Amino acid sequence: MSDNVLQTLQRLVQDVIAPDVRELKVRQDSFEKRVEERFNSVERQISSLEKQSEAQYKGILAAISEAKA
């Protein structure tokens, strides 16, 4: 009898739970990939903004220097 219960539990895990776990793993991998892509996009945007800010700052300093001269 206990063998029958163990076999039933094993089939349940193989037929029901294992596919769900695999599906969740695939969905998690997909989600992680999207998050990483968006994070990288935000990093690129921040880098671009930093470069623009630095260029504007240097332009302002140059203008101030010219005004003093």
Protein backbone atom coordinates (compact mmCIF):
# COMPACT_ATOMS: atom_id res chain seq x y z
CA MET A 1 0.00 0.00 0.00
CA SER A 2 2.75 2.48 0.88
CA ASP A 3 4.44 1.64 -2.43
CA ASN A 4 1.25 2.58 -4.22
CA VAL A 5 1.09 5.91 -2.36
CA LEU A 6 4.73 6.63 -3.17
CA GLN A 7 4.19 5.81 -6.84
CA THR A 8 1.14 8.06 -6.91
CA LEU A 9 3.10 10.89 -5.33
CA GLN A 10 5.96 10.35 -7.76
CA ARG A 11 3.57 10.50 -10.74
CA LEU A 12 1.97 13.61 -9.29
CA VAL A 13 5.33 15.33 -9.03
CA GLN A 14 6.37 14.23 -12.53
CA ASP A 15 3.07 15.03 -14.22
CA VAL A 16 1.86 18.12 -12.41
CA ILE A 17 4.50 19.84 -10.34
CA ALA A 18 7.61 19.39 -12.51
CA PRO A 19 6.11 21.01 -15.64
CA ASP A 20 4.90 23.96 -13.55
CA VAL A 21 8.36 24.37 -12.05
CA ARG A 22 9.94 24.29 -15.53
CA GLU A 23 7.44 26.87 -16.79
CA LEU A 24 8.18 29.13 -13.84
CA LYS A 25 11.92 28.81 -14.52
CA VAL A 26 11.42 29.81 -18.15
CA ARG A 27 9.26 32.76 -17.12
CA GLN A 28 11.81 33.81 -14.50
CA ASP A 29 14.63 33.67 -17.06
CA SER A 30 12.59 35.77 -19.48
CA PHE A 31 11.79 38.30 -16.75
CA GLU A 32 15.43 38.52 -15.68
CA LYS A 33 16.48 39.12 -19.28
CA ARG A 34 13.95 41.95 -19.69
CA VAL A 35 15.01 43.55 -16.41
CA GLU A 36 18.68 43.37 -17.42
CA GLU A 37 17.93 44.91 -20.82
CA ARG A 38 16.00 47.77 -19.23
CA PHE A 39 18.68 48.29 -16.61
CA ASN A 40 21.34 48.49 -19.32
CA SER A 41 19.18 50.95 -21.25
CA VAL A 42 18.83 53.17 -18.19
CA GLU A 43 22.59 52.98 -17.58
CA ARG A 44 23.23 54.13 -21.17
CA GLN A 45 20.76 56.99 -20.77
CA ILE A 46 22.39 58.09 -17.51
CA SER A 47 25.83 57.95 -19.10
CA SER A 48 24.59 60.07 -21.99
CA LEU A 49 23.06 62.61 -19.61
CA GLU A 50 26.28 62.76 -17.60
CA LYS A 51 28.24 63.50 -20.76
CA GLN A 52 25.77 66.20 -21.78
CA SER A 53 25.90 67.77 -18.32
CA GLU A 54 29.70 67.73 -18.33
CA ALA A 55 29.77 69.40 -21.75
CA GLN A 56 27.30 72.06 -20.62
CA TYR A 57 29.28 72.66 -17.43
CA LYS A 58 32.48 73.12 -19.41
CA GLY A 59 30.66 75.48 -21.78
CA ILE A 60 29.42 77.57 -18.88
CA LEU A 61 32.92 77.72 -17.34
CA ALA A 62 34.36 78.77 -20.70
CA ALA A 63 31.73 81.48 -21.05
CA ILE A 64 32.47 82.77 -17.57
CA SER A 65 36.19 82.81 -18.31
CA GLU A 66 35.61 84.76 -21.54
CA ALA A 67 33.36 87.24 -19.74
CA LYS A 68 36.04 87.90 -17.13
CA ALA A 69 38.72 88.44 -19.76
